[in-house]
Amino acid sequence: MENPLFAWRHILYRRTRPDFTRSELLAEMRLEGQRLGYDHSDVTLVQHGDIFFHSYLG
């Protein structure tokens, strides 16, 4: 995956709301990735989001 910290940067620094659902986060990351010229798969984005959640929310 190019730019491996993309999902974490998005969650920590690009979000404008503190509350969100998993599907909202996926849609946001998909759009942001496309805007930046990345072609991340949904599976990759979901996996990175899940790792973030498990790491910080236990």
PDB file of N, CA and C in Angstrom:
ATOM      1  N   MET A   1       0.845  -1.173   0.000  1.00  0.00           N
ATOM      2  CA  MET A   1       0.000   0.000   0.000  1.00  0.00           C
ATOM      3  C   MET A   1       0.891   1.236   0.000  1.00  0.00           C
ATOM      4  N   GLU A   2       0.705   2.098  -0.956  1.00  0.00           N
ATOM      5  CA  GLU A   2       1.453   3.339  -0.937  1.00  0.00           C
ATOM      6  C   GLU A   2       0.873   4.243   0.142  1.00  0.00           C
ATOM      7  N   ASN A   3       1.737   5.018   0.764  1.00  0.00           N
ATOM      8  CA  ASN A   3       1.341   5.901   1.862  1.00  0.00           C
ATOM      9  C   ASN A   3       0.627   5.097   2.959  1.00  0.00           C
ATOM     10  N   PRO A   4       1.362   4.221   3.644  1.00  0.00           N
ATOM     11  CA  PRO A   4       0.744   3.287   4.594  1.00  0.00           C
ATOM     12  C   PRO A   4       0.059   3.926   5.790  1.00  0.00           C
ATOM     13  N   LEU A   5       0.349   5.168   6.100  1.00  0.00           N
ATOM     14  CA  LEU A   5      -0.286   5.814   7.245  1.00  0.00           C
ATOM     15  C   LEU A   5      -1.483   6.671   6.841  1.00  0.00           C
ATOM     16  N   PHE A   6      -1.917   6.543   5.606  1.00  0.00           N
ATOM     17  CA  PHE A   6      -3.027   7.341   5.095  1.00  0.00           C
ATOM     18  C   PHE A   6      -4.255   7.267   6.003  1.00  0.00           C
ATOM     19  N   ALA A   7      -4.697   6.062   6.337  1.00  0.00           N
ATOM     20  CA  ALA A   7      -5.921   5.890   7.125  1.00  0.00           C
ATOM     21  C   ALA A   7      -5.775   6.522   8.510  1.00  0.00           C
ATOM     22  N   TRP A   8      -4.636   6.320   9.153  1.00  0.00           N
ATOM     23  CA  TRP A   8      -4.429   6.868  10.490  1.00  0.00           C
ATOM     24  C   TRP A   8      -4.380   8.392  10.441  1.00  0.00           C
ATOM     25  N   ARG A   9      -3.693   8.947   9.457  1.00  0.00           N
ATOM     26  CA  ARG A   9      -3.649  10.413   9.323  1.00  0.00           C
ATOM     27  C   ARG A   9      -5.045  10.965   9.108  1.00  0.00           C
ATOM     28  N   HIS A  10      -5.825  10.259   8.309  1.00  0.00           N
ATOM     29  CA  HIS A  10      -7.184  10.727   8.050  1.00  0.00           C
ATOM     30  C   HIS A  10      -8.003  10.729   9.345  1.00  0.00           C
ATOM     31  N   ILE A  11      -7.939   9.643  10.076  1.00  0.00           N
ATOM     32  CA  ILE A  11      -8.727   9.532  11.311  1.00  0.00           C
ATOM     33  C   ILE A  11      -8.270  10.560  12.348  1.00  0.00           C
ATOM     34  N   LEU A  12      -6.977  10.746  12.506  1.00  0.00           N
ATOM     35  CA  LEU A  12      -6.462  11.632  13.552  1.00  0.00           C
ATOM     36  C   LEU A  12      -6.506  13.112  13.193  1.00  0.00           C
ATOM     37  N   TYR A  13      -6.287  13.437  11.914  1.00  0.00           N
ATOM     38  CA  TYR A  13      -6.078  14.843  11.570  1.00  0.00           C
ATOM     39  C   TYR A  13      -7.028  15.440  10.535  1.00  0.00           C
ATOM     40  N   ARG A  14      -7.712  14.621   9.751  1.00  0.00           N
ATOM     41  CA  ARG A  14      -8.539  15.158   8.673  1.00  0.00           C
ATOM     42  C   ARG A  14     -10.031  15.163   8.988  1.00  0.00           C
ATOM     43  N   ARG A  15     -10.437  14.403   9.980  1.00  0.00           N
ATOM     44  CA  ARG A  15     -11.862  14.320  10.335  1.00  0.00           C
ATOM     45  C   ARG A  15     -12.313  15.614  10.974  1.00  0.00           C
ATOM     46  N   THR A  16     -13.546  15.986  10.730  1.00  0.00           N
ATOM     47  CA  THR A  16     -14.082  17.206  11.328  1.00  0.00           C
ATOM     48  C   THR A  16     -15.062  16.905  12.463  1.00  0.00           C
ATOM     49  N   ARG A  17     -15.478  15.650  12.583  1.00  0.00           N
ATOM     50  CA  ARG A  17     -16.413  15.247  13.649  1.00  0.00           C
ATOM     51  C   ARG A  17     -15.776  14.162  14.502  1.00  0.00           C
ATOM     52  N   PRO A  18     -16.005  14.185  15.813  1.00  0.00           N
ATOM     53  CA  PRO A  18     -15.437  13.140  16.661  1.00  0.00           C
ATOM     54  C   PRO A  18     -16.233  11.831  16.634  1.00  0.00           C
ATOM     55  N   ASP A  19     -17.490  11.887  16.198  1.00  0.00           N
ATOM     56  CA  ASP A  19     -18.304  10.666  16.148  1.00  0.00           C
ATOM     57  C   ASP A  19     -18.518  10.252  14.692  1.00  0.00           C
ATOM     58  N   PHE A  20     -18.513   8.940  14.465  1.00  0.00           N
ATOM     59  CA  PHE A  20     -18.685   8.434  13.107  1.00  0.00           C
ATOM     60  C   PHE A  20     -18.952   6.939  13.158  1.00  0.00           C
ATOM     61  N   THR A  21     -19.509   6.444  12.082  1.00  0.00           N
ATOM     62  CA  THR A  21     -19.706   4.999  11.943  1.00  0.00           C
ATOM     63  C   THR A  21     -18.604   4.455  11.044  1.00  0.00           C
ATOM     64  N   ARG A  22     -18.469   3.164  11.071  1.00  0.00           N
ATOM     65  CA  ARG A  22     -17.459   2.513  10.235  1.00  0.00           C
ATOM     66  C   ARG A  22     -17.716   2.795   8.750  1.00  0.00           C
ATOM     67  N   SER A  23     -18.972   2.750   8.324  1.00  0.00           N
ATOM     68  CA  SER A  23     -19.283   2.989   6.913  1.00  0.00           C
ATOM     69  C   SER A  23     -19.042   4.452   6.530  1.00  0.00           C
ATOM     70  N   GLU A  24     -19.324   5.390   7.445  1.00  0.00           N
ATOM     71  CA  GLU A  24     -19.021   6.797   7.176  1.00  0.00           C
ATOM     72  C   GLU A  24     -17.520   7.005   7.002  1.00  0.00           C
ATOM     73  N   LEU A  25     -16.748   6.382   7.879  1.00  0.00           N
ATOM     74  CA  LEU A  25     -15.299   6.510   7.814  1.00  0.00           C
ATOM     75  C   LEU A  25     -14.769   5.948   6.492  1.00  0.00           C
ATOM     76  N   LEU A  26     -15.259   4.790   6.085  1.00  0.00           N
ATOM     77  CA  LEU A  26     -14.824   4.189   4.830  1.00  0.00           C
ATOM     78  C   LEU A  26     -15.125   5.119   3.654  1.00  0.00           C
ATOM     79  N   ALA A  27     -16.333   5.675   3.623  1.00  0.00           N
ATOM     80  CA  ALA A  27     -16.702   6.571   2.529  1.00  0.00           C
ATOM     81  C   ALA A  27     -15.806   7.809   2.513  1.00  0.00           C
ATOM     82  N   GLU A  28     -15.524   8.368   3.689  1.00  0.00           N
ATOM     83  CA  GLU A  28     -14.649   9.544   3.772  1.00  0.00           C
ATOM     84  C   GLU A  28     -13.248   9.220   3.288  1.00  0.00           C
ATOM     85  N   MET A  29     -12.698   8.091   3.754  1.00  0.00           N
ATOM     86  CA  MET A  29     -11.333   7.725   3.358  1.00  0.00           C
ATOM     87  C   MET A  29     -11.263   7.426   1.870  1.00  0.00           C
ATOM     88  N   ARG A  30     -12.284   6.807   1.326  1.00  0.00           N
ATOM     89  CA  ARG A  30     -12.318   6.517  -0.103  1.00  0.00           C
ATOM     90  C   ARG A  30     -12.266   7.820  -0.905  1.00  0.00           C
ATOM     91  N   LEU A  31     -13.111   8.784  -0.536  1.00  0.00           N
ATOM     92  CA  LEU A  31     -13.137  10.065  -1.247  1.00  0.00           C
ATOM     93  C   LEU A  31     -11.829  10.836  -1.085  1.00  0.00           C
ATOM     94  N   GLU A  32     -11.304  10.873   0.125  1.00  0.00           N
ATOM     95  CA  GLU A  32     -10.041  11.575   0.372  1.00  0.00           C
ATOM     96  C   GLU A  32      -8.900  10.931  -0.402  1.00  0.00           C
ATOM     97  N   GLY A  33      -8.862   9.608  -0.417  1.00  0.00           N
ATOM     98  CA  GLY A  33      -7.827   8.901  -1.176  1.00  0.00           C
ATOM     99  C   GLY A  33      -7.915   9.200  -2.663  1.00  0.00           C
ATOM    100  N   GLN A  34      -9.109   9.192  -3.203  1.00  0.00           N
ATOM    101  CA  GLN A  34      -9.288   9.513  -4.625  1.00  0.00           C
ATOM    102  C   GLN A  34      -8.867  10.946  -4.903  1.00  0.00           C
ATOM    103  N   ARG A  35      -9.213  11.855  -4.007  1.00  0.00           N
ATOM    104  CA  ARG A  35      -8.843  13.260  -4.175  1.00  0.00           C
ATOM    105  C   ARG A  35      -7.325  13.432  -4.223  1.00  0.00           C
ATOM    106  N   LEU A  36      -6.626  12.611  -3.433  1.00  0.00           N
ATOM    107  CA  LEU A  36      -5.171  12.689  -3.379  1.00  0.00           C
ATOM    108  C   LEU A  36      -4.485  11.829  -4.445  1.00  0.00           C
ATOM    109  N   GLY A  37      -5.288  11.108  -5.240  1.00  0.00           N
ATOM    110  CA  GLY A  37      -4.728  10.307  -6.319  1.00  0.00           C
ATOM    111  C   GLY A  37      -4.336   8.892  -5.935  1.00  0.00           C
ATOM    112  N   TYR A  38      -4.799   8.404  -4.786  1.00  0.00           N
ATOM    113  CA  TYR A  38      -4.511   7.036  -4.357  1.00  0.00           C
ATOM    114  C   TYR A  38      -5.604   6.094  -4.845  1.00  0.00           C
ATOM    115  N   ASP A  39      -5.239   4.835  -4.971  1.00  0.00           N
ATOM    116  CA  ASP A  39      -6.188   3.817  -5.413  1.00  0.00           C
ATOM    117  C   ASP A  39      -6.252   2.704  -4.368  1.00  0.00           C
ATOM    118  N   HIS A  40      -6.579   3.086  -3.126  1.00  0.00           N
ATOM    119  CA  HIS A  40      -6.666   2.106  -2.048  1.00  0.00           C
ATOM    120  C   HIS A  40      -7.938   1.279  -2.212  1.00  0.00           C
ATOM    121  N   SER A  41      -7.831  -0.020  -1.951  1.00  0.00           N
ATOM    122  CA  SER A  41      -9.022  -0.862  -1.996  1.00  0.00           C
ATOM    123  C   SER A  41      -9.822  -0.674  -0.711  1.00  0.00           C
ATOM    124  N   ASP A  42     -11.114  -0.940  -0.787  1.00  0.00           N
ATOM    125  CA  ASP A  42     -11.966  -0.841   0.397  1.00  0.00           C
ATOM    126  C   ASP A  42     -11.495  -1.796   1.487  1.00  0.00           C
ATOM    127  N   VAL A  43     -11.053  -2.979   1.098  1.00  0.00           N
ATOM    128  CA  VAL A  43     -10.579  -3.969   2.073  1.00  0.00           C
ATOM    129  C   VAL A  43      -9.396  -3.398   2.854  1.00  0.00           C
ATOM    130  N   THR A  44      -8.465  -2.771   2.159  1.00  0.00           N
ATOM    131  CA  THR A  44      -7.297  -2.181   2.812  1.00  0.00           C
ATOM    132  C   THR A  44      -7.706  -1.065   3.761  1.00  0.00           C
ATOM    133  N   LEU A  45      -8.596  -0.198   3.319  1.00  0.00           N
ATOM    134  CA  LEU A  45      -9.039   0.908   4.169  1.00  0.00           C
ATOM    135  C   LEU A  45      -9.762   0.398   5.412  1.00  0.00           C
ATOM    136  N   VAL A  46     -10.619  -0.593   5.254  1.00  0.00           N
ATOM    137  CA  VAL A  46     -11.337  -1.165   6.396  1.00  0.00           C
ATOM    138  C   VAL A  46     -10.352  -1.810   7.367  1.00  0.00           C
ATOM    139  N   GLN A  47      -9.378  -2.542   6.849  1.00  0.00           N
ATOM    140  CA  GLN A  47      -8.392  -3.186   7.719  1.00  0.00           C
ATOM    141  C   GLN A  47      -7.605  -2.158   8.522  1.00  0.00           C
ATOM    142  N   HIS A  48      -7.187  -1.093   7.873  1.00  0.00           N
ATOM    143  CA  HIS A  48      -6.432  -0.062   8.571  1.00  0.00           C
ATOM    144  C   HIS A  48      -7.310   0.639   9.610  1.00  0.00           C
ATOM    145  N   GLY A  49      -8.565   0.896   9.274  1.00  0.00           N
ATOM    146  CA  GLY A  49      -9.494   1.475  10.246  1.00  0.00           C
ATOM    147  C   GLY A  49      -9.690   0.559  11.436  1.00  0.00           C
ATOM    148  N   ASP A  50      -9.862  -0.731  11.179  1.00  0.00           N
ATOM    149  CA  ASP A  50     -10.059  -1.705  12.267  1.00  0.00           C
ATOM    150  C   ASP A  50      -8.834  -1.766  13.185  1.00  0.00           C
ATOM    151  N   ILE A  51      -7.640  -1.743  12.598  1.00  0.00           N
ATOM    152  CA  ILE A  51      -6.425  -1.771  13.407  1.00  0.00           C
ATOM    153  C   ILE A  51      -6.354  -0.524  14.287  1.00  0.00           C
ATOM    154  N   PHE A  52      -6.709   0.624  13.724  1.00  0.00           N
ATOM    155  CA  PHE A  52      -6.735   1.851  14.513  1.00  0.00           C
ATOM    156  C   PHE A  52      -7.703   1.709  15.679  1.00  0.00           C
ATOM    157  N   PHE A  53      -8.924   1.256  15.404  1.00  0.00           N
ATOM    158  CA  PHE A  53      -9.931   1.110  16.453  1.00  0.00           C
ATOM    159  C   PHE A  53      -9.464   0.159  17.551  1.00  0.00           C
ATOM    160  N   HIS A  54      -8.906  -0.982  17.164  1.00  0.00           N
ATOM    161  CA  HIS A  54      -8.472  -1.965  18.143  1.00  0.00           C
ATOM    162  C   HIS A  54      -7.279  -1.458  18.952  1.00  0.00           C
ATOM    163  N   SER A  55      -6.446  -0.633  18.328  1.00  0.00           N
ATOM    164  CA  SER A  55      -5.273  -0.102  19.022  1.00  0.00           C
ATOM    165  C   SER A  55      -5.648   0.983  20.027  1.00  0.00           C
ATOM    166  N   TYR A  56      -6.578   1.847  19.676  1.00  0.00           N
ATOM    167  CA  TYR A  56      -6.887   2.989  20.521  1.00  0.00           C
ATOM    168  C   TYR A  56      -8.168   2.838  21.339  1.00  0.00           C
ATOM    169  N   LEU A  57      -9.061   1.989  20.903  1.00  0.00           N
ATOM    170  CA  LEU A  57     -10.324   1.832  21.633  1.00  0.00           C
ATOM    171  C   LEU A  57     -10.419   0.505  22.358  1.00  0.00           C
ATOM    172  N   GLY A  58      -9.420  -0.338  22.139  1.00  0.00           N
ATOM    173  CA  GLY A  58      -9.294  -1.597  22.846  1.00  0.00           C
ATOM    174  C   GLY A  58     -10.322  -2.552  22.525  1.00  0.00           C
TER     175      GLY A  58
END
